[in-house]
Amino acid sequence: MTAKDPYANPAPLGLMGFGMTTVLLNIHNAGFFPLTAMILAMGLAYGGAAQVIAGIMEFKKGNTFGVTAFTSYGLFWISLVLLLVFPEQGIGQPTSAGYMGWYLVMWGIFTLFMFFGTLKTNRVLQFVFASLTLLFFLLAAKDFTGSAAIGHFAGWEGIICGFSAIYLAMAEVINEQMGREVLPIGSVA
């Protein structure tokens, strides 16, 4: 008989931080609302800090994928907010669209590699990473081309990506609480 893991599952915290912040930013990208302090605050607190905390908790559990994913994406959100706020505070020059495109390409490449790490996990996590990879490349294409249409399409795709992470977070919480699969996640055999 194996001893029960004494630590709680930190993944729902990280997934919710990622999911909710991604949905909110992409509601902006889809053209519904301007970029406001609400999105920046979510980026720092829930998308950023909560994911870093989840990553540290994954470290404690010995989950290399979890610590790499949550810590990296938490720091992504923090760096994105700083890229937007620093120039407003007179700290550095604003980042040009083309250079921002390269920032997003690098995150897309990282996410593509992380996607391959999901292939032995559940289908919903695979969808989260596949759709996030696509989102980063779409946002980069928007910055490289200046196309508002690509940006709006990326926003809609990002909303779907974010909601998929929210679904997985709640499935993990509810399934654990109920002791059975209530919300399916497509476990890989």
N, C-alpha and C. Protein backbone atom coordinates (compact mmCIF):
# COMPACT_ATOMS: atom_id res chain seq x y z
N MET A 1 0.85 -1.19 0.00
CA MET A 1 0.00 0.00 0.00
C MET A 1 0.89 1.25 0.00
N THR A 2 0.57 2.19 -0.85
CA THR A 2 1.32 3.42 -0.96
C THR A 2 0.75 4.47 -0.02
N ALA A 3 1.66 5.25 0.59
CA ALA A 3 1.20 6.32 1.48
C ALA A 3 0.55 7.43 0.66
N LYS A 4 -0.49 8.03 1.21
CA LYS A 4 -1.18 9.14 0.54
C LYS A 4 -0.27 10.36 0.51
N ASP A 5 -0.26 11.03 -0.62
CA ASP A 5 0.51 12.26 -0.77
C ASP A 5 -0.03 13.28 0.24
N PRO A 6 0.84 13.82 1.11
CA PRO A 6 0.34 14.75 2.13
C PRO A 6 0.05 16.15 1.60
N TYR A 7 0.39 16.41 0.35
CA TYR A 7 0.23 17.76 -0.19
C TYR A 7 -0.99 17.85 -1.09
N ALA A 8 -1.65 18.98 -1.02
CA ALA A 8 -2.79 19.24 -1.90
C ALA A 8 -2.32 19.39 -3.34
N ASN A 9 -3.22 19.19 -4.27
CA ASN A 9 -2.94 19.35 -5.69
C ASN A 9 -2.93 20.86 -6.02
N PRO A 10 -1.76 21.42 -6.37
CA PRO A 10 -1.70 22.85 -6.68
C PRO A 10 -2.15 23.20 -8.09
N ALA A 11 -2.35 22.19 -8.95
CA ALA A 11 -2.68 22.47 -10.35
C ALA A 11 -3.95 23.30 -10.52
N PRO A 12 -5.04 23.04 -9.77
CA PRO A 12 -6.22 23.88 -9.98
C PRO A 12 -5.96 25.37 -9.71
N LEU A 13 -5.16 25.68 -8.72
CA LEU A 13 -4.81 27.08 -8.45
C LEU A 13 -4.10 27.69 -9.65
N GLY A 14 -3.08 27.00 -10.14
CA GLY A 14 -2.34 27.51 -11.29
C GLY A 14 -3.20 27.61 -12.54
N LEU A 15 -4.02 26.59 -12.77
CA LEU A 15 -4.89 26.60 -13.95
C LEU A 15 -5.93 27.71 -13.88
N MET A 16 -6.48 27.96 -12.70
CA MET A 16 -7.45 29.05 -12.56
C MET A 16 -6.77 30.41 -12.76
N GLY A 17 -5.58 30.58 -12.18
CA GLY A 17 -4.86 31.83 -12.37
C GLY A 17 -4.59 32.08 -13.84
N PHE A 18 -4.13 31.04 -14.52
CA PHE A 18 -3.88 31.15 -15.96
C PHE A 18 -5.18 31.37 -16.72
N GLY A 19 -6.18 30.53 -16.45
CA GLY A 19 -7.42 30.55 -17.22
C GLY A 19 -8.19 31.85 -17.12
N MET A 20 -8.42 32.31 -15.89
CA MET A 20 -9.21 33.53 -15.72
C MET A 20 -8.49 34.75 -16.31
N THR A 21 -7.18 34.83 -16.10
CA THR A 21 -6.43 35.97 -16.63
C THR A 21 -6.41 35.93 -18.15
N THR A 22 -6.26 34.74 -18.71
CA THR A 22 -6.24 34.59 -20.17
C THR A 22 -7.58 34.98 -20.77
N VAL A 23 -8.68 34.56 -20.16
CA VAL A 23 -10.00 34.94 -20.67
C VAL A 23 -10.14 36.46 -20.64
N LEU A 24 -9.81 37.07 -19.53
CA LEU A 24 -10.00 38.52 -19.41
C LEU A 24 -9.14 39.30 -20.41
N LEU A 25 -7.87 38.93 -20.55
CA LEU A 25 -7.02 39.63 -21.52
C LEU A 25 -7.56 39.44 -22.93
N ASN A 26 -8.05 38.26 -23.23
CA ASN A 26 -8.50 38.00 -24.59
C ASN A 26 -9.88 38.55 -24.89
N ILE A 27 -10.66 38.85 -23.88
CA ILE A 27 -11.87 39.64 -24.11
C ILE A 27 -11.45 41.02 -24.64
N HIS A 28 -10.35 41.54 -24.10
CA HIS A 28 -9.77 42.79 -24.63
C HIS A 28 -9.26 42.58 -26.06
N ASN A 29 -8.47 41.49 -26.27
CA ASN A 29 -7.91 41.24 -27.61
C ASN A 29 -9.00 41.06 -28.66
N ALA A 30 -10.12 40.47 -28.27
CA ALA A 30 -11.22 40.27 -29.21
C ALA A 30 -11.95 41.58 -29.53
N GLY A 31 -11.62 42.65 -28.81
CA GLY A 31 -12.16 43.96 -29.13
C GLY A 31 -13.33 44.43 -28.31
N PHE A 32 -13.63 43.75 -27.20
CA PHE A 32 -14.80 44.12 -26.41
C PHE A 32 -14.55 45.25 -25.42
N PHE A 33 -13.35 45.32 -24.84
CA PHE A 33 -13.03 46.32 -23.82
C PHE A 33 -11.59 46.80 -23.99
N PRO A 34 -11.29 47.99 -23.53
CA PRO A 34 -9.90 48.46 -23.58
C PRO A 34 -9.06 47.76 -22.52
N LEU A 35 -7.77 47.86 -22.67
CA LEU A 35 -6.85 47.32 -21.67
C LEU A 35 -6.92 48.23 -20.44
N THR A 36 -7.32 47.67 -19.30
CA THR A 36 -7.50 48.48 -18.09
C THR A 36 -6.65 47.92 -16.95
N ALA A 37 -6.69 48.63 -15.84
CA ALA A 37 -5.96 48.21 -14.64
C ALA A 37 -6.44 46.85 -14.13
N MET A 38 -7.70 46.51 -14.40
CA MET A 38 -8.22 45.21 -13.97
C MET A 38 -7.42 44.08 -14.58
N ILE A 39 -7.14 44.14 -15.87
CA ILE A 39 -6.37 43.09 -16.53
C ILE A 39 -4.94 43.09 -16.00
N LEU A 40 -4.36 44.25 -15.81
CA LEU A 40 -3.00 44.33 -15.28
C LEU A 40 -2.92 43.76 -13.87
N ALA A 41 -3.90 44.07 -13.04
CA ALA A 41 -3.92 43.54 -11.68
C ALA A 41 -4.07 42.02 -11.68
N MET A 42 -4.96 41.50 -12.53
CA MET A 42 -5.10 40.05 -12.65
C MET A 42 -3.79 39.43 -13.13
N GLY A 43 -3.12 40.10 -14.06
CA GLY A 43 -1.85 39.59 -14.57
C GLY A 43 -0.80 39.48 -13.49
N LEU A 44 -0.74 40.46 -12.61
CA LEU A 44 0.24 40.42 -11.52
C LEU A 44 -0.15 39.45 -10.42
N ALA A 45 -1.41 39.51 -9.99
CA ALA A 45 -1.83 38.77 -8.80
C ALA A 45 -2.20 37.32 -9.10
N TYR A 46 -3.18 37.12 -9.97
CA TYR A 46 -3.70 35.76 -10.15
C TYR A 46 -2.97 35.03 -11.28
N GLY A 47 -2.81 35.68 -12.41
CA GLY A 47 -2.06 35.06 -13.49
C GLY A 47 -0.59 34.93 -13.14
N GLY A 48 -0.05 35.91 -12.42
CA GLY A 48 1.37 35.90 -12.07
C GLY A 48 1.67 35.22 -10.76
N ALA A 49 1.36 35.87 -9.66
CA ALA A 49 1.75 35.36 -8.34
C ALA A 49 1.13 34.01 -8.02
N ALA A 50 -0.15 33.82 -8.32
CA ALA A 50 -0.80 32.54 -7.99
C ALA A 50 -0.16 31.39 -8.75
N GLN A 51 0.21 31.61 -10.00
CA GLN A 51 0.86 30.55 -10.76
C GLN A 51 2.27 30.26 -10.24
N VAL A 52 2.99 31.29 -9.85
CA VAL A 52 4.32 31.06 -9.27
C VAL A 52 4.19 30.25 -7.98
N ILE A 53 3.21 30.59 -7.16
CA ILE A 53 2.97 29.83 -5.92
C ILE A 53 2.62 28.38 -6.27
N ALA A 54 1.76 28.17 -7.26
CA ALA A 54 1.42 26.81 -7.67
C ALA A 54 2.66 26.07 -8.17
N GLY A 55 3.51 26.77 -8.89
CA GLY A 55 4.75 26.16 -9.36
C GLY A 55 5.65 25.73 -8.22
N ILE A 56 5.77 26.56 -7.21
CA ILE A 56 6.59 26.21 -6.03
C ILE A 56 5.98 25.00 -5.33
N MET A 57 4.66 24.94 -5.26
CA MET A 57 4.00 23.79 -4.66
C MET A 57 4.22 22.53 -5.50
N GLU A 58 4.24 22.66 -6.81
CA GLU A 58 4.53 21.51 -7.69
C GLU A 58 5.97 21.03 -7.46
N PHE A 59 6.88 21.95 -7.20
CA PHE A 59 8.26 21.59 -6.88
C PHE A 59 8.29 20.68 -5.66
N LYS A 60 7.54 21.08 -4.65
CA LYS A 60 7.47 20.30 -3.41
C LYS A 60 6.93 18.90 -3.66
N LYS A 61 6.06 18.76 -4.66
CA LYS A 61 5.49 17.46 -5.01
C LYS A 61 6.39 16.67 -5.96
N GLY A 62 7.47 17.28 -6.44
CA GLY A 62 8.38 16.60 -7.35
C GLY A 62 7.90 16.55 -8.79
N ASN A 63 7.02 17.48 -9.19
CA ASN A 63 6.46 17.50 -10.53
C ASN A 63 7.21 18.51 -11.39
N THR A 64 8.18 18.03 -12.15
CA THR A 64 9.00 18.91 -12.99
C THR A 64 8.17 19.66 -14.02
N PHE A 65 7.23 18.97 -14.67
CA PHE A 65 6.37 19.64 -15.65
C PHE A 65 5.58 20.76 -14.98
N GLY A 66 4.96 20.47 -13.85
CA GLY A 66 4.14 21.46 -13.15
C GLY A 66 4.93 22.67 -12.70
N VAL A 67 6.12 22.43 -12.13
CA VAL A 67 6.92 23.57 -11.67
C VAL A 67 7.38 24.41 -12.86
N THR A 68 7.75 23.76 -13.95
CA THR A 68 8.20 24.50 -15.13
C THR A 68 7.06 25.29 -15.75
N ALA A 69 5.90 24.65 -15.90
CA ALA A 69 4.76 25.32 -16.53
C ALA A 69 4.25 26.48 -15.68
N PHE A 70 3.87 26.19 -14.44
CA PHE A 70 3.24 27.24 -13.64
C PHE A 70 4.19 28.38 -13.31
N THR A 71 5.43 28.08 -12.97
CA THR A 71 6.37 29.15 -12.66
C THR A 71 6.65 29.99 -13.90
N SER A 72 6.86 29.32 -15.04
CA SER A 72 7.15 30.06 -16.27
C SER A 72 5.99 30.95 -16.68
N TYR A 73 4.77 30.40 -16.72
CA TYR A 73 3.63 31.21 -17.16
C TYR A 73 3.26 32.28 -16.13
N GLY A 74 3.50 32.02 -14.85
CA GLY A 74 3.31 33.06 -13.85
C GLY A 74 4.25 34.23 -14.10
N LEU A 75 5.51 33.89 -14.40
CA LEU A 75 6.48 34.95 -14.69
C LEU A 75 6.22 35.59 -16.05
N PHE A 76 5.62 34.85 -16.98
CA PHE A 76 5.18 35.46 -18.24
C PHE A 76 4.20 36.60 -17.95
N TRP A 77 3.17 36.30 -17.12
CA TRP A 77 2.17 37.33 -16.83
C TRP A 77 2.80 38.54 -16.15
N ILE A 78 3.69 38.29 -15.21
CA ILE A 78 4.34 39.42 -14.53
C ILE A 78 5.17 40.22 -15.53
N SER A 79 5.93 39.54 -16.39
CA SER A 79 6.76 40.27 -17.36
C SER A 79 5.89 41.03 -18.36
N LEU A 80 4.76 40.45 -18.77
CA LEU A 80 3.87 41.15 -19.70
C LEU A 80 3.34 42.44 -19.08
N VAL A 81 2.92 42.37 -17.83
CA VAL A 81 2.44 43.58 -17.15
C VAL A 81 3.56 44.62 -17.07
N LEU A 82 4.76 44.17 -16.72
CA LEU A 82 5.88 45.11 -16.62
C LEU A 82 6.22 45.74 -17.98
N LEU A 83 6.11 44.94 -19.06
CA LEU A 83 6.35 45.50 -20.39
C LEU A 83 5.37 46.63 -20.71
N LEU A 84 4.16 46.52 -20.19
CA LEU A 84 3.16 47.56 -20.44
C LEU A 84 3.27 48.74 -19.48
N VAL A 85 3.62 48.46 -18.23
CA VAL A 85 3.62 49.49 -17.19
C VAL A 85 4.94 50.28 -17.14
N PHE A 86 6.07 49.61 -17.33
CA PHE A 86 7.36 50.30 -17.23
C PHE A 86 7.44 51.56 -18.09
N PRO A 87 7.10 51.51 -19.38
CA PRO A 87 7.20 52.74 -20.19
C PRO A 87 6.29 53.86 -19.67
N GLU A 88 5.13 53.50 -19.12
CA GLU A 88 4.23 54.50 -18.55
C GLU A 88 4.84 55.18 -17.33
N GLN A 89 5.75 54.48 -16.66
CA GLN A 89 6.42 55.01 -15.47
C GLN A 89 7.78 55.62 -15.80
N GLY A 90 8.10 55.71 -17.08
CA GLY A 90 9.38 56.28 -17.50
C GLY A 90 10.54 55.31 -17.35
N ILE A 91 10.25 54.03 -17.23
CA ILE A 91 11.30 53.01 -17.09
C ILE A 91 11.39 52.28 -18.42
N GLY A 92 12.34 52.65 -19.25
CA GLY A 92 12.53 52.00 -20.54
C GLY A 92 11.57 52.53 -21.60
N GLN A 93 11.92 52.19 -22.82
CA GLN A 93 11.10 52.59 -23.97
C GLN A 93 10.00 51.57 -24.21
N PRO A 94 8.87 51.98 -24.77
CA PRO A 94 7.84 51.01 -25.13
C PRO A 94 8.41 49.99 -26.14
N THR A 95 7.95 48.77 -26.05
CA THR A 95 8.41 47.73 -26.96
C THR A 95 7.69 47.86 -28.29
N SER A 96 8.44 47.87 -29.39
CA SER A 96 7.81 47.97 -30.70
C SER A 96 7.01 46.70 -30.98
N ALA A 97 6.04 46.83 -31.88
CA ALA A 97 5.18 45.68 -32.21
C ALA A 97 6.00 44.51 -32.75
N GLY A 98 6.97 44.79 -33.60
CA GLY A 98 7.78 43.71 -34.16
C GLY A 98 8.58 42.97 -33.10
N TYR A 99 9.14 43.72 -32.17
CA TYR A 99 9.91 43.08 -31.10
C TYR A 99 8.99 42.33 -30.15
N MET A 100 7.79 42.86 -29.92
CA MET A 100 6.79 42.15 -29.11
C MET A 100 6.41 40.85 -29.80
N GLY A 101 6.36 40.87 -31.12
CA GLY A 101 6.09 39.65 -31.87
C GLY A 101 7.13 38.57 -31.57
N TRP A 102 8.39 38.97 -31.48
CA TRP A 102 9.44 37.98 -31.15
C TRP A 102 9.30 37.47 -29.73
N TYR A 103 8.91 38.32 -28.81
CA TYR A 103 8.64 37.89 -27.43
C TYR A 103 7.58 36.80 -27.44
N LEU A 104 6.51 37.02 -28.21
CA LEU A 104 5.43 36.05 -28.28
C LEU A 104 5.83 34.78 -29.03
N VAL A 105 6.67 34.91 -30.05
CA VAL A 105 7.20 33.72 -30.74
C VAL A 105 7.98 32.85 -29.77
N MET A 106 8.82 33.46 -28.95
CA MET A 106 9.61 32.68 -27.98
C MET A 106 8.70 31.94 -27.02
N TRP A 107 7.63 32.58 -26.56
CA TRP A 107 6.68 31.91 -25.68
C TRP A 107 5.92 30.83 -26.43
N GLY A 108 5.66 31.04 -27.70
CA GLY A 108 5.02 30.00 -28.51
C GLY A 108 5.90 28.77 -28.66
N ILE A 109 7.18 28.98 -28.89
CA ILE A 109 8.12 27.86 -29.01
C ILE A 109 8.19 27.10 -27.69
N PHE A 110 8.33 27.82 -26.58
CA PHE A 110 8.35 27.18 -25.27
C PHE A 110 7.08 26.36 -25.05
N THR A 111 5.94 26.94 -25.39
CA THR A 111 4.66 26.27 -25.17
C THR A 111 4.52 25.05 -26.07
N LEU A 112 5.02 25.11 -27.28
CA LEU A 112 4.99 23.95 -28.16
C LEU A 112 5.77 22.79 -27.54
N PHE A 113 6.95 23.08 -27.01
CA PHE A 113 7.72 22.03 -26.33
C PHE A 113 6.97 21.50 -25.11
N MET A 114 6.35 22.39 -24.35
CA MET A 114 5.57 21.95 -23.20
C MET A 114 4.37 21.11 -23.63
N PHE A 115 3.78 21.43 -24.78
CA PHE A 115 2.68 20.61 -25.30
C PHE A 115 3.10 19.15 -25.42
N PHE A 116 4.31 18.92 -25.94
CA PHE A 116 4.78 17.53 -26.08
C PHE A 116 4.87 16.84 -24.73
N GLY A 117 5.08 17.61 -23.67
CA GLY A 117 5.09 17.04 -22.33
C GLY A 117 3.72 16.64 -21.83
N THR A 118 2.66 17.05 -22.53
CA THR A 118 1.29 16.70 -22.11
C THR A 118 0.79 15.42 -22.77
N LEU A 119 1.53 14.85 -23.69
CA LEU A 119 1.00 13.76 -24.50
C LEU A 119 0.68 12.50 -23.72
N LYS A 120 1.20 12.37 -22.51
CA LYS A 120 0.85 11.22 -21.68
C LYS A 120 -0.05 11.62 -20.51
N THR A 121 -0.63 12.80 -20.62
CA THR A 121 -1.56 13.27 -19.58
C THR A 121 -2.98 13.19 -20.13
N ASN A 122 -3.86 14.04 -19.64
CA ASN A 122 -5.25 14.00 -20.09
C ASN A 122 -5.48 14.89 -21.31
N ARG A 123 -6.57 14.62 -21.99
CA ARG A 123 -6.89 15.33 -23.24
C ARG A 123 -7.16 16.81 -23.03
N VAL A 124 -7.75 17.17 -21.92
CA VAL A 124 -8.04 18.59 -21.69
C VAL A 124 -6.73 19.37 -21.53
N LEU A 125 -5.76 18.83 -20.79
CA LEU A 125 -4.47 19.52 -20.66
C LEU A 125 -3.79 19.63 -22.01
N GLN A 126 -3.91 18.59 -22.83
CA GLN A 126 -3.35 18.66 -24.18
C GLN A 126 -4.00 19.79 -24.96
N PHE A 127 -5.32 19.93 -24.83
CA PHE A 127 -6.02 21.02 -25.53
C PHE A 127 -5.56 22.38 -25.02
N VAL A 128 -5.40 22.52 -23.70
CA VAL A 128 -4.94 23.79 -23.14
C VAL A 128 -3.61 24.20 -23.78
N PHE A 129 -2.67 23.28 -23.82
CA PHE A 129 -1.34 23.62 -24.35
C PHE A 129 -1.34 23.78 -25.86
N ALA A 130 -2.12 22.98 -26.58
CA ALA A 130 -2.20 23.15 -28.04
C ALA A 130 -2.82 24.50 -28.38
N SER A 131 -3.91 24.85 -27.69
CA SER A 131 -4.57 26.12 -27.99
C SER A 131 -3.72 27.31 -27.53
N LEU A 132 -2.95 27.14 -26.46
CA LEU A 132 -2.06 28.22 -26.02
C LEU A 132 -0.91 28.41 -27.01
N THR A 133 -0.39 27.31 -27.56
CA THR A 133 0.64 27.42 -28.58
C THR A 133 0.11 28.23 -29.76
N LEU A 134 -1.08 27.87 -30.23
CA LEU A 134 -1.70 28.60 -31.34
C LEU A 134 -1.91 30.06 -30.98
N LEU A 135 -2.36 30.33 -29.75
CA LEU A 135 -2.60 31.70 -29.32
C LEU A 135 -1.33 32.54 -29.39
N PHE A 136 -0.22 32.02 -28.87
CA PHE A 136 1.02 32.80 -28.91
C PHE A 136 1.42 33.12 -30.36
N PHE A 137 1.30 32.13 -31.25
CA PHE A 137 1.69 32.38 -32.64
C PHE A 137 0.72 33.32 -33.34
N LEU A 138 -0.56 33.26 -33.01
CA LEU A 138 -1.51 34.21 -33.58
C LEU A 138 -1.23 35.64 -33.10
N LEU A 139 -0.95 35.77 -31.80
CA LEU A 139 -0.65 37.11 -31.27
C LEU A 139 0.65 37.66 -31.87
N ALA A 140 1.62 36.79 -32.09
CA ALA A 140 2.86 37.22 -32.75
C ALA A 140 2.56 37.66 -34.17
N ALA A 141 1.74 36.90 -34.89
CA ALA A 141 1.37 37.26 -36.26
C ALA A 141 0.67 38.61 -36.30
N LYS A 142 -0.20 38.85 -35.30
CA LYS A 142 -0.87 40.15 -35.21
C LYS A 142 0.14 41.27 -35.06
N ASP A 143 1.14 41.07 -34.20
CA ASP A 143 2.15 42.11 -33.99
C ASP A 143 3.05 42.29 -35.21
N PHE A 144 3.40 41.21 -35.88
CA PHE A 144 4.24 41.32 -37.07
C PHE A 144 3.53 41.99 -38.23
N THR A 145 2.22 41.74 -38.36
CA THR A 145 1.48 42.25 -39.52
C THR A 145 0.69 43.52 -39.22
N GLY A 146 0.38 43.76 -37.95
CA GLY A 146 -0.48 44.88 -37.60
C GLY A 146 -1.94 44.62 -37.91
N SER A 147 -2.30 43.38 -38.18
CA SER A 147 -3.66 43.02 -38.57
C SER A 147 -4.60 42.97 -37.36
N ALA A 148 -5.57 43.88 -37.35
CA ALA A 148 -6.59 43.86 -36.28
C ALA A 148 -7.43 42.60 -36.38
N ALA A 149 -7.67 42.09 -37.60
CA ALA A 149 -8.48 40.88 -37.77
C ALA A 149 -7.80 39.68 -37.11
N ILE A 150 -6.49 39.54 -37.29
CA ILE A 150 -5.76 38.45 -36.64
C ILE A 150 -5.84 38.62 -35.12
N GLY A 151 -5.71 39.86 -34.66
CA GLY A 151 -5.79 40.13 -33.22
C GLY A 151 -7.14 39.76 -32.65
N HIS A 152 -8.21 40.09 -33.35
CA HIS A 152 -9.56 39.73 -32.87
C HIS A 152 -9.77 38.23 -32.90
N PHE A 153 -9.30 37.56 -33.96
CA PHE A 153 -9.40 36.10 -34.02
C PHE A 153 -8.60 35.47 -32.87
N ALA A 154 -7.40 36.00 -32.62
CA ALA A 154 -6.58 35.50 -31.51
C ALA A 154 -7.32 35.68 -30.19
N GLY A 155 -8.02 36.80 -30.05
CA GLY A 155 -8.78 37.03 -28.82
C GLY A 155 -9.83 35.96 -28.59
N TRP A 156 -10.57 35.62 -29.63
CA TRP A 156 -11.58 34.56 -29.51
C TRP A 156 -10.93 33.22 -29.19
N GLU A 157 -9.83 32.93 -29.87
CA GLU A 157 -9.12 31.67 -29.61
C GLU A 157 -8.59 31.65 -28.18
N GLY A 158 -8.11 32.80 -27.69
CA GLY A 158 -7.61 32.90 -26.33
C GLY A 158 -8.70 32.71 -25.28
N ILE A 159 -9.89 33.18 -25.59
CA ILE A 159 -11.02 32.97 -24.67
C ILE A 159 -11.30 31.47 -24.54
N ILE A 160 -11.28 30.77 -25.65
CA ILE A 160 -11.49 29.31 -25.63
C ILE A 160 -10.37 28.63 -24.83
N CYS A 161 -9.13 29.03 -25.08
CA CYS A 161 -7.99 28.47 -24.36
C CYS A 161 -8.15 28.69 -22.85
N GLY A 162 -8.46 29.91 -22.46
CA GLY A 162 -8.62 30.22 -21.04
C GLY A 162 -9.74 29.44 -20.38
N PHE A 163 -10.87 29.32 -21.07
CA PHE A 163 -11.98 28.55 -20.50
C PHE A 163 -11.65 27.07 -20.41
N SER A 164 -10.81 26.57 -21.31
CA SER A 164 -10.42 25.15 -21.20
C SER A 164 -9.59 24.93 -19.95
N ALA A 165 -8.74 25.89 -19.60
CA ALA A 165 -7.95 25.78 -18.36
C ALA A 165 -8.86 25.87 -17.13
N ILE A 166 -9.85 26.75 -17.17
CA ILE A 166 -10.81 26.86 -16.07
C ILE A 166 -11.57 25.55 -15.91
N TYR A 167 -12.00 24.98 -17.02
CA TYR A 167 -12.71 23.70 -16.96
C TYR A 167 -11.84 22.63 -16.30
N LEU A 168 -10.58 22.52 -16.72
CA LEU A 168 -9.70 21.50 -16.15
C LEU A 168 -9.48 21.73 -14.66
N ALA A 169 -9.31 22.98 -14.27
CA ALA A 169 -9.13 23.29 -12.84
C ALA A 169 -10.33 22.83 -12.04
N MET A 170 -11.52 23.18 -12.52
CA MET A 170 -12.73 22.81 -11.78
C MET A 170 -12.98 21.30 -11.83
N ALA A 171 -12.63 20.66 -12.93
CA ALA A 171 -12.76 19.19 -13.02
C ALA A 171 -11.86 18.53 -11.98
N GLU A 172 -10.65 19.03 -11.83
CA GLU A 172 -9.74 18.44 -10.85
C GLU A 172 -10.26 18.64 -9.42
N VAL A 173 -10.79 19.80 -9.12
CA VAL A 173 -11.33 20.07 -7.79
C VAL A 173 -12.58 19.23 -7.53
N ILE A 174 -13.53 19.30 -8.44
CA ILE A 174 -14.81 18.61 -8.24
C ILE A 174 -14.62 17.09 -8.23
N ASN A 175 -13.82 16.57 -9.16
CA ASN A 175 -13.59 15.12 -9.21
C ASN A 175 -12.92 14.62 -7.93
N GLU A 176 -11.96 15.39 -7.43
CA GLU A 176 -11.30 15.00 -6.18
C GLU A 176 -12.27 15.06 -5.01
N GLN A 177 -13.06 16.11 -4.95
CA GLN A 177 -14.02 16.25 -3.85
C GLN A 177 -15.08 15.15 -3.86
N MET A 178 -15.51 14.76 -5.04
CA MET A 178 -16.56 13.75 -5.16
C MET A 178 -16.00 12.32 -5.13
N GLY A 179 -14.68 12.18 -5.29
CA GLY A 179 -14.08 10.86 -5.28
C GLY A 179 -14.38 10.04 -6.53
N ARG A 180 -14.81 10.72 -7.58
CA ARG A 180 -15.10 10.05 -8.86
C ARG A 180 -15.08 11.10 -9.97
N GLU A 181 -15.06 10.62 -11.21
CA GLU A 181 -15.03 11.55 -12.33
C GLU A 181 -16.43 12.09 -12.61
N VAL A 182 -16.66 13.34 -12.24
CA VAL A 182 -17.91 14.02 -12.51
C VAL A 182 -17.77 14.81 -13.81
N LEU A 183 -16.67 15.54 -13.93
CA LEU A 183 -16.35 16.29 -15.14
C LEU A 183 -15.22 15.54 -15.87
N PRO A 184 -15.50 14.99 -17.05
CA PRO A 184 -14.48 14.19 -17.74
C PRO A 184 -13.32 15.04 -18.24
N ILE A 185 -12.12 14.45 -18.17
CA ILE A 185 -10.92 15.14 -18.66
C ILE A 185 -10.20 14.33 -19.74
N GLY A 186 -10.74 13.17 -20.09
CA GLY A 186 -10.14 12.38 -21.16
C GLY A 186 -8.80 11.79 -20.77
N SER A 187 -8.79 11.04 -19.68
CA SER A 187 -7.54 10.44 -19.20
C SER A 187 -6.94 9.53 -20.26
N VAL A 188 -5.63 9.59 -20.37
CA VAL A 188 -4.89 8.75 -21.30
C VAL A 188 -4.54 7.46 -20.57
N ALA A 189 -4.82 6.33 -21.24
CA ALA A 189 -4.57 5.03 -20.60
C ALA A 189 -3.09 4.73 -20.47
